[in-house]
């Protein structure tokens, strides 16, 4: 299957034009900022909220004339491979050596102006090593964050501090995210003594994915890098923290490579945290919502939470079919329809469907035995809460230890910002029970 860089130009230019028009529309909505100490369940908030969201989305899109937008001439000519598993990273091994990368840097436009890595020294104050590649001004795709030397050992034991220093948390960003968006997550982990690798994927690199191309090569480099680090010494482990379906599918691609390279690597994964995902089927509406939110960013109605600002208000909605919620501008609704028609074709292409089926099948029935934590929200307009809950139940039936927290009011991949107390308490408890369990019993 060939490259998409030329074939996909016209539909994406059209979508971008609609997105730019939508940015100028006026749909200002006040973001809720509720705070809570415990998670909510779907039973507590009722199913009416999810139903109202689905009805609202379908009715709004219905206002746009399908006869004018559905018969787009480019749709029948689109050939698009899987656009969700592209993450350029350096193959740094133990140390980041620029000479190892010189050929790939020169030949790969995906690589950016700066890569940061660090030697995982055993000293109490490791020194970071930074290398600049002045080829572009694009955002950094790959960064290694060292534990803070003054990190407080919240567990109170030196054994747990040692366990943290031998654990790397791998952050896999959402569609359109940048390093600055993952910074608060990385800082939270490093302040508690963990190493962190953060990955962000420019949309252009995801869209231009081709089977067997540089994206696949970069996946191999990432897996080799992690495998080399794990094999340096016995007792090193990984924790994955994924965001949205893009980060979750990226995680699936990594698992696939681990299985092929060395199945023992799967046992080194101590936990997986899934933020705002998954939808475990190739759903055109979900993909359209994700790309629309990535195009429009904070201007998208997908970034708006529920208007209700208290638990009592939310509980009062149970049994009602209509909820007053922010609606997308006409241009955003048009963009959603264009993208939905686009992905109806794309996701059914044989190569794309086969690749997605492989990754989704592994994520559904072949995950490692480590515990899983799902963080989601009934207010998420990209990933439906019932899809997450359905997947959680399937994982439990497979015998996995699964924890979940419904934030109820918070928008897509925005739970940490809206309710940091609840978010960090969930992470702390999960890490304490799943990652530090060995040192606690030693």
Protein backbone atom coordinates (compact mmCIF):
# COMPACT_ATOMS: atom_id res chain seq x y z
CA UNK A 1 0.00 0.00 0.00
CA UNK A 2 1.45 3.29 -1.04
CA UNK A 3 2.00 6.52 0.82
CA UNK A 4 -0.96 8.75 1.63
CA UNK A 5 0.84 12.06 1.42
CA UNK A 6 -0.61 12.88 -1.99
CA UNK A 7 -3.86 10.94 -2.01
CA UNK A 8 -5.17 12.40 1.24
CA UNK A 9 -4.36 16.05 0.46
CA UNK A 10 -7.72 17.14 -0.93
CA UNK A 11 -10.02 15.68 1.75
CA UNK A 12 -7.83 16.94 4.57
CA UNK A 13 -7.51 20.41 3.04
CA UNK A 14 -11.30 20.50 2.83
CA UNK A 15 -11.62 19.33 6.42
CA UNK A 16 -9.03 21.85 7.58
CA UNK A 17 -10.92 24.63 5.84
CA UNK A 18 -14.08 23.67 7.68
CA UNK A 19 -12.10 23.48 10.91
CA UNK A 20 -10.68 26.98 10.44
CA UNK A 21 -14.16 28.32 9.82
CA UNK A 22 -15.44 26.59 12.91
CA UNK A 23 -12.77 28.17 15.11
CA UNK A 24 -14.26 31.58 14.46
CA UNK A 25 -17.74 30.50 15.50
CA UNK A 26 -19.09 31.65 18.82
CA UNK A 27 -19.96 28.77 21.11
CA UNK A 28 -18.40 29.78 24.40
CA UNK A 29 -19.40 27.45 27.21
CA UNK A 30 -18.30 27.56 30.80
CA UNK A 31 -16.23 24.51 31.73
CA UNK A 32 -17.30 22.76 34.91
CA UNK A 33 -14.75 22.24 37.62
CA UNK A 34 -16.37 19.84 40.07
CA UNK A 35 -14.29 18.14 42.70
CA UNK A 36 -14.98 14.77 44.22
CA UNK A 37 -13.20 12.23 46.37
CA UNK A 38 -14.72 9.06 44.96
CA UNK A 39 -15.47 7.59 41.56
CA UNK A 40 -18.96 7.30 40.15
CA UNK A 41 -20.49 4.39 38.33
CA UNK A 42 -22.90 4.22 35.45
CA UNK A 43 -25.59 3.01 37.83
CA UNK A 44 -25.19 6.11 39.98
CA UNK A 45 -25.60 8.58 37.15
CA UNK A 46 -28.06 6.60 35.06
CA UNK A 47 -28.04 5.87 31.38
CA UNK A 48 -30.04 8.93 30.36
CA UNK A 49 -26.97 11.16 30.15
CA UNK A 50 -25.22 8.92 27.66
CA UNK A 51 -28.42 8.59 25.65
CA UNK A 52 -28.86 12.35 25.52
CA UNK A 53 -25.31 12.79 24.26
CA UNK A 54 -25.83 10.31 21.45
CA UNK A 55 -29.17 11.87 20.50
CA UNK A 56 -27.67 15.35 20.55
CA UNK A 57 -24.75 14.34 18.33
CA UNK A 58 -26.90 12.59 15.75
CA UNK A 59 -29.51 15.34 15.60
CA UNK A 60 -26.92 18.07 15.19
CA UNK A 61 -25.18 16.29 12.36
CA UNK A 62 -28.55 15.70 10.78
CA UNK A 63 -29.00 19.44 10.29
CA UNK A 64 -26.27 19.34 7.63
CA UNK A 65 -27.41 18.28 4.17
CA UNK A 66 -26.08 14.80 3.58
CA UNK A 67 -26.87 15.03 -0.10
CA UNK A 68 -24.36 17.84 -0.49
CA UNK A 69 -21.59 16.42 1.66
CA UNK A 70 -21.91 12.66 1.30
CA UNK A 71 -21.35 12.55 -2.46
CA UNK A 72 -17.85 13.94 -2.30
CA UNK A 73 -15.84 12.82 -5.31
CA UNK A 74 -12.67 12.12 -3.36
CA UNK A 75 -14.26 9.52 -1.09
CA UNK A 76 -14.28 6.74 -3.66
CA UNK A 77 -10.60 7.27 -4.46
CA UNK A 78 -9.20 7.30 -0.92
CA UNK A 79 -6.68 4.65 0.06
CA UNK A 80 -5.74 5.10 3.69
CA UNK A 81 -3.78 2.68 5.87
CA UNK A 82 -4.11 2.63 9.64
CA UNK A 83 -3.47 6.20 10.90
CA UNK A 84 -2.96 5.51 14.58
CA UNK A 85 0.40 3.87 15.17
CA UNK A 86 3.16 6.26 14.27
CA UNK A 87 5.61 7.35 16.90
CA UNK A 88 9.11 8.47 15.78
CA UNK A 89 11.63 7.81 18.54
CA UNK A 90 15.40 7.57 18.81
CA UNK A 91 17.01 4.17 19.17
CA UNK A 92 19.23 5.34 21.95
CA UNK A 93 19.85 2.09 23.79
CA UNK A 94 21.46 2.75 27.15
CA UNK A 95 22.97 6.07 26.17
CA UNK A 96 21.80 8.45 23.50
CA UNK A 97 24.54 8.39 20.86
CA UNK A 98 23.94 10.84 17.98
CA UNK A 99 26.13 8.88 15.55
CA UNK A 100 23.78 5.92 15.78
CA UNK A 101 20.97 8.07 14.51
CA UNK A 102 22.74 10.15 11.89
CA UNK A 103 21.51 8.18 8.90
CA UNK A 104 17.91 7.87 10.09
CA UNK A 105 17.80 11.53 11.10
CA UNK A 106 19.00 12.60 7.68
CA UNK A 107 16.45 10.43 5.88
CA UNK A 108 13.40 10.83 8.12
CA UNK A 109 11.41 14.09 8.01
CA UNK A 110 9.40 12.88 10.99
CA UNK A 111 12.34 13.32 13.33
CA UNK A 112 12.44 16.72 14.90
CA UNK A 113 14.84 19.33 16.15
CA UNK A 114 15.36 17.90 19.61
CA UNK A 115 15.50 14.53 21.32
CA UNK A 116 16.08 14.21 25.01
CA UNK A 117 17.22 11.05 26.69
CA UNK A 118 19.10 10.27 29.85
CA UNK A 119 21.34 7.59 31.28
CA UNK A 120 19.52 5.69 33.98
CA UNK A 121 22.42 5.98 36.38
CA UNK A 122 22.35 4.36 39.78
CA UNK A 123 23.52 7.56 41.41
CA UNK A 124 21.06 9.47 43.54
CA UNK A 125 21.37 12.53 41.28
CA UNK A 126 21.47 11.35 37.66
CA UNK A 127 22.43 13.89 35.04
CA UNK A 128 20.30 14.41 31.95
CA UNK A 129 21.86 14.27 28.51
CA UNK A 130 20.36 16.44 25.80
CA UNK A 131 21.11 16.40 22.10
CA UNK A 132 19.81 18.94 19.58
CA UNK A 133 19.06 18.14 15.95
CA UNK A 134 18.53 21.52 14.24
CA UNK A 135 16.48 20.26 11.29
CA UNK A 136 13.06 21.66 12.13
CA UNK A 137 11.13 23.76 14.62
CA UNK A 138 8.45 21.12 15.14
CA UNK A 139 7.53 19.88 18.59
CA UNK A 140 9.66 17.25 20.32
CA UNK A 141 8.24 13.77 19.81
CA UNK A 142 10.28 11.84 22.33
CA UNK A 143 11.51 12.80 25.78
CA UNK A 144 12.97 10.94 28.73
CA UNK A 145 12.21 12.52 32.10
CA UNK A 146 14.47 11.68 35.03
CA UNK A 147 13.18 11.27 38.58
CA UNK A 148 13.55 14.36 40.69
CA UNK A 149 16.56 13.96 43.04
CA UNK A 150 14.47 15.34 45.88
CA UNK A 151 11.50 13.08 45.14
CA UNK A 152 9.68 12.19 48.31
CA UNK A 153 9.36 8.48 49.04
CA UNK A 154 5.66 8.47 49.87
CA UNK A 155 5.77 4.77 50.79
CA UNK A 156 8.32 5.44 53.53
CA UNK A 157 10.66 2.57 52.68
CA UNK A 158 13.95 2.52 50.81
CA UNK A 159 12.92 -0.70 49.06
CA UNK A 160 9.99 1.05 47.40
CA UNK A 161 12.21 3.96 46.42
CA UNK A 162 14.52 1.49 44.72
CA UNK A 163 11.57 -0.16 42.93
CA UNK A 164 10.42 3.19 41.60
CA UNK A 165 13.87 3.99 40.24
CA UNK A 166 13.74 0.76 38.25
CA UNK A 167 10.34 1.49 36.73
CA UNK A 168 9.69 3.51 33.58
CA UNK A 169 6.25 4.98 32.98
CA UNK A 170 5.59 5.25 29.23
CA UNK A 171 3.14 8.06 28.37
CA UNK A 172 1.50 7.62 24.94
CA UNK A 173 -0.19 10.85 23.90
CA UNK A 174 -3.54 11.44 22.26
CA UNK A 175 -4.11 12.63 18.70
CA UNK A 176 -2.78 16.17 18.31
CA UNK A 177 -1.09 16.26 21.71
CA UNK A 178 2.32 17.84 22.25
CA UNK A 179 5.00 17.42 24.88
CA UNK A 180 3.68 20.43 26.78
CA UNK A 181 0.35 18.64 27.22
CA UNK A 182 2.03 15.59 28.79
CA UNK A 183 4.36 17.67 30.96
CA UNK A 184 2.07 17.75 34.01
CA UNK A 185 1.70 13.96 33.92
CA UNK A 186 5.46 13.43 33.59
CA UNK A 187 6.16 15.86 36.42
CA UNK A 188 3.73 14.07 38.71
CA UNK A 189 5.47 10.73 38.11
CA UNK A 190 9.03 12.08 38.36
CA UNK A 191 8.17 13.90 41.58
CA UNK A 192 7.45 10.47 43.03
CA UNK A 193 10.67 8.88 41.87
CA UNK A 194 9.70 7.26 38.55
CA UNK A 195 11.44 7.51 35.19
CA UNK A 196 9.12 8.65 32.40
CA UNK A 197 9.19 8.42 28.61
CA UNK A 198 6.65 10.63 26.84
CA UNK A 199 5.62 10.29 23.20
CA UNK A 200 3.52 12.67 21.14
CA UNK A 201 2.49 12.11 17.54
CA UNK A 202 1.93 14.92 15.02
CA UNK A 203 -1.21 14.33 13.00
CA UNK A 204 0.72 14.65 9.74
CA UNK A 205 2.85 11.68 10.73
CA UNK A 206 -0.20 9.61 11.65
CA UNK A 207 -1.99 10.49 8.42
CA UNK A 208 1.06 9.70 6.28
CA UNK A 209 1.46 6.23 7.79
CA UNK A 210 2.31 3.46 5.34
CA UNK A 211 2.74 -0.24 5.99
CA UNK A 212 6.40 -1.15 6.35
CA UNK A 213 7.46 2.48 6.21
CA UNK A 214 9.25 4.75 8.63
CA UNK A 215 6.45 4.64 11.17
CA UNK A 216 6.80 0.87 11.46
CA UNK A 217 10.58 1.26 11.68
CA UNK A 218 10.16 3.78 14.49
CA UNK A 219 7.92 1.33 16.34
CA UNK A 220 10.72 -1.21 16.09
CA UNK A 221 13.21 1.36 17.41
CA UNK A 222 10.99 2.12 20.38
CA UNK A 223 10.50 -1.54 21.22
CA UNK A 224 14.24 -2.21 20.87
CA UNK A 225 15.00 0.76 23.12
CA UNK A 226 12.63 -0.45 25.83
CA UNK A 227 13.81 -4.05 25.48
CA UNK A 228 17.47 -3.01 25.81
CA UNK A 229 16.68 -1.07 28.96
CA UNK A 230 14.74 -3.97 30.48
CA UNK A 231 17.50 -6.45 29.73
CA UNK A 232 20.29 -4.37 31.31
CA UNK A 233 19.40 -5.69 34.74
CA UNK A 234 16.90 -8.04 36.27
CA UNK A 235 13.99 -6.37 38.04
CA UNK A 236 13.30 -3.46 35.70
CA UNK A 237 9.66 -2.92 34.76
CA UNK A 238 7.31 -0.83 32.64
CA UNK A 239 4.01 0.91 33.31
CA UNK A 240 2.03 2.23 30.34
CA UNK A 241 -0.22 5.28 30.61
CA UNK A 242 -2.21 5.77 27.39
CA UNK A 243 -4.44 8.62 26.30
CA UNK A 244 -7.47 8.31 24.02
CA UNK A 245 -7.76 5.70 21.27
CA UNK A 246 -4.55 6.88 19.58
CA UNK A 247 -2.43 6.18 22.66
CA UNK A 248 -4.29 2.94 23.29
CA UNK A 249 -3.74 1.67 19.72
CA UNK A 250 -0.09 2.67 20.01
CA UNK A 251 0.09 0.52 23.13
CA UNK A 252 -1.40 -2.35 21.14
CA UNK A 253 1.26 -1.98 18.45
CA UNK A 254 3.97 -2.09 21.13
CA UNK A 255 2.49 -5.26 22.63
CA UNK A 256 2.44 -6.82 19.18
CA UNK A 257 6.16 -6.13 18.73
CA UNK A 258 6.95 -7.39 22.24
CA UNK A 259 5.21 -10.69 21.53
CA UNK A 260 7.11 -11.20 18.29
CA UNK A 261 10.50 -10.17 19.67
CA UNK A 262 10.40 -11.81 23.10
CA UNK A 263 7.16 -12.84 24.84
CA UNK A 264 8.97 -12.55 28.18
CA UNK A 265 8.87 -8.76 27.75
CA UNK A 266 5.12 -8.86 28.30
CA UNK A 267 5.73 -10.06 31.86
CA UNK A 268 7.79 -6.95 32.59
CA UNK A 269 4.71 -4.75 32.21
CA UNK A 270 3.45 -4.14 35.75
CA UNK A 271 0.40 -2.03 34.95
CA UNK A 272 -1.58 -0.20 32.28
CA UNK A 273 -3.52 3.03 32.82
CA UNK A 274 -6.02 3.87 30.08
CA UNK A 275 -7.24 7.47 30.03
CA UNK A 276 -10.30 8.26 27.87
CA UNK A 277 -10.40 4.97 25.95
CA UNK A 278 -11.12 2.53 24.45
CA UNK A 279 -13.59 1.96 21.66
CA UNK A 280 -12.57 -1.53 20.61
CA UNK A 281 -14.16 -1.46 17.15
CA UNK A 282 -13.33 0.67 14.07
CA UNK A 283 -16.13 3.20 14.59
CA UNK A 284 -16.19 6.01 11.94
CA UNK A 285 -18.06 8.33 14.30
CA UNK A 286 -15.43 7.95 17.02
CA UNK A 287 -12.57 8.52 14.57
CA UNK A 288 -14.36 11.56 13.13
CA UNK A 289 -14.90 13.00 16.62
CA UNK A 290 -11.25 12.42 17.52
CA UNK A 291 -9.86 14.10 14.42
CA UNK A 292 -12.36 16.97 14.71
CA UNK A 293 -11.29 17.60 18.31
CA UNK A 294 -7.63 17.45 17.25
CA UNK A 295 -8.23 19.94 14.43
CA UNK A 296 -10.24 22.41 16.52
CA UNK A 297 -8.53 21.86 19.89
CA UNK A 298 -10.08 24.04 22.62
CA UNK A 299 -12.63 25.44 20.16
CA UNK A 300 -14.28 22.04 19.74
CA UNK A 301 -17.45 21.31 21.67
CA UNK A 302 -15.79 17.98 22.57
CA UNK A 303 -13.67 19.93 25.07
CA UNK A 304 -16.75 21.03 27.01
CA UNK A 305 -17.91 19.10 30.04
CA UNK A 306 -21.40 18.83 31.46
CA UNK A 307 -23.02 22.11 32.42
CA UNK A 308 -24.03 20.63 35.78
CA UNK A 309 -21.42 21.45 38.40
CA UNK A 310 -22.48 19.24 41.29
CA UNK A 311 -23.23 15.61 41.91
CA UNK A 312 -26.71 16.51 43.09
CA UNK A 313 -27.41 18.25 39.78
CA UNK A 314 -26.22 15.21 37.87
CA UNK A 315 -28.30 12.80 39.91
CA UNK A 316 -31.33 14.99 39.29
CA UNK A 317 -30.90 14.30 35.58
CA UNK A 318 -31.51 10.58 36.00
CA UNK A 319 -34.75 9.60 34.32
CA UNK A 320 -34.83 12.69 32.09
CA UNK A 321 -34.20 12.28 28.37
CA UNK A 322 -33.15 15.85 27.63
CA UNK A 323 -30.03 17.52 29.01
CA UNK A 324 -29.02 21.09 28.23
CA UNK A 325 -25.57 20.71 26.73
CA UNK A 326 -23.27 22.77 24.52
CA UNK A 327 -23.78 22.13 20.82
CA UNK A 328 -21.24 22.28 18.01
CA UNK A 329 -21.25 25.16 15.61
CA UNK A 330 -22.71 24.47 12.18
CA UNK A 331 -19.22 24.36 10.68
CA UNK A 332 -18.08 21.82 13.26
CA UNK A 333 -21.12 19.69 12.57
CA UNK A 334 -20.22 19.86 8.87
CA UNK A 335 -16.65 18.86 9.65
CA UNK A 336 -17.90 15.89 11.69
CA UNK A 337 -20.08 14.72 8.82
CA UNK A 338 -17.27 15.04 6.25
CA UNK A 339 -14.87 13.12 8.49
CA UNK A 340 -17.45 10.46 9.31
CA UNK A 341 -18.09 9.82 5.59
CA UNK A 342 -14.35 9.77 5.06
CA UNK A 343 -13.68 7.16 7.75
CA UNK A 344 -16.62 5.02 6.65
CA UNK A 345 -14.52 4.37 3.55
CA UNK A 346 -11.09 4.37 5.16
CA UNK A 347 -11.82 1.94 7.98
CA UNK A 348 -13.31 -0.59 5.59
CA UNK A 349 -10.33 -0.75 3.26
CA UNK A 350 -8.97 -4.30 3.42
CA UNK A 351 -5.46 -3.33 4.52
CA UNK A 352 -6.68 -0.90 7.14
CA UNK A 353 -9.36 -3.21 8.48
CA UNK A 354 -6.92 -6.12 8.70
CA UNK A 355 -4.29 -4.04 10.54
CA UNK A 356 -6.85 -2.65 12.95
CA UNK A 357 -8.31 -6.10 13.57
CA UNK A 358 -4.87 -7.44 14.50
CA UNK A 359 -4.16 -4.68 17.00
CA UNK A 360 -7.68 -4.55 18.45
CA UNK A 361 -7.76 -8.33 18.76
CA UNK A 362 -4.54 -8.31 20.77
CA UNK A 363 -5.79 -5.51 23.02
CA UNK A 364 -9.08 -7.31 23.57
CA UNK A 365 -7.88 -10.85 24.26
CA UNK A 366 -4.09 -10.85 24.43
CA UNK A 367 -3.11 -8.21 26.97
CA UNK A 368 -0.47 -8.99 29.60
CA UNK A 369 -1.65 -10.26 32.96
CA UNK A 370 -0.89 -6.95 34.69
CA UNK A 371 -3.63 -4.92 36.42
CA UNK A 372 -5.50 -2.31 34.40
CA UNK A 373 -6.95 1.07 35.41
CA UNK A 374 -9.55 2.81 33.22
CA UNK A 375 -10.22 6.51 33.69
CA UNK A 376 -13.17 7.83 31.70
CA UNK A 377 -16.19 10.12 31.87
CA UNK A 378 -19.86 10.17 30.97
CA UNK A 379 -19.25 13.66 29.59
CA UNK A 380 -16.70 12.43 27.02
CA UNK A 381 -17.99 13.33 23.55
CA UNK A 382 -15.25 11.41 21.73
CA UNK A 383 -15.16 8.05 23.57
CA UNK A 384 -18.61 6.93 24.77
CA UNK A 385 -18.65 5.82 28.39
CA UNK A 386 -20.70 2.72 27.59
CA UNK A 387 -17.98 1.53 25.18
CA UNK A 388 -15.39 1.80 27.95
CA UNK A 389 -17.62 0.01 30.45
CA UNK A 390 -18.38 -2.78 27.97
CA UNK A 391 -14.66 -3.33 27.38
CA UNK A 392 -13.99 -3.34 31.12
CA UNK A 393 -16.53 -6.10 31.64
CA UNK A 394 -14.94 -8.19 28.89
CA UNK A 395 -11.51 -7.80 30.45
CA UNK A 396 -12.87 -8.93 33.81
CA UNK A 397 -14.41 -11.98 32.17
CA UNK A 398 -10.96 -12.79 30.79
CA UNK A 399 -9.71 -12.86 34.38
CA UNK A 400 -7.81 -9.54 34.44
CA UNK A 401 -7.66 -7.36 37.53
CA UNK A 402 -9.46 -4.22 36.39
CA UNK A 403 -10.15 -0.96 38.19
CA UNK A 404 -12.21 1.90 36.81
CA UNK A 405 -13.21 5.44 37.69
CA UNK A 406 -15.95 7.45 35.98
CA UNK A 407 -15.28 11.17 36.42
CA UNK A 408 -18.83 11.90 35.21
CA UNK A 409 -18.47 15.59 34.29
CA UNK A 410 -15.04 15.97 32.72
CA UNK A 411 -14.31 16.20 28.96
CA UNK A 412 -12.13 13.95 26.81
CA UNK A 413 -8.52 13.56 28.11
CA UNK A 414 -9.14 16.45 30.50
CA UNK A 415 -9.82 14.61 33.76
CA UNK A 416 -6.51 15.52 35.42
CA UNK A 417 -6.96 19.25 34.85
CA UNK A 418 -10.57 19.29 35.99
CA UNK A 419 -10.23 17.09 39.06
CA UNK A 420 -6.53 16.66 39.96
CA UNK A 421 -7.28 15.40 43.47
CA UNK A 422 -9.35 12.44 42.33
CA UNK A 423 -7.08 11.73 39.36
CA UNK A 424 -3.85 11.60 41.36
CA UNK A 425 -5.48 9.59 44.13
CA UNK A 426 -6.48 6.97 41.58
CA UNK A 427 -2.95 6.85 40.16
CA UNK A 428 -1.33 6.70 43.60
CA UNK A 429 -3.51 3.83 44.80
CA UNK A 430 -3.03 1.88 41.56
CA UNK A 431 0.75 2.28 41.59
CA UNK A 432 0.99 1.41 45.27
CA UNK A 433 -1.03 -1.76 44.86
CA UNK A 434 0.31 -2.91 41.50
CA UNK A 435 3.83 -1.56 40.98
CA UNK A 436 5.15 -1.44 44.53
CA UNK A 437 3.58 -4.66 45.72
CA UNK A 438 6.87 -6.61 45.71
CA UNK A 439 8.78 -4.11 47.81
CA UNK A 440 5.87 -3.82 50.24
CA UNK A 441 6.02 -7.55 50.92
CA UNK A 442 9.81 -7.77 51.03
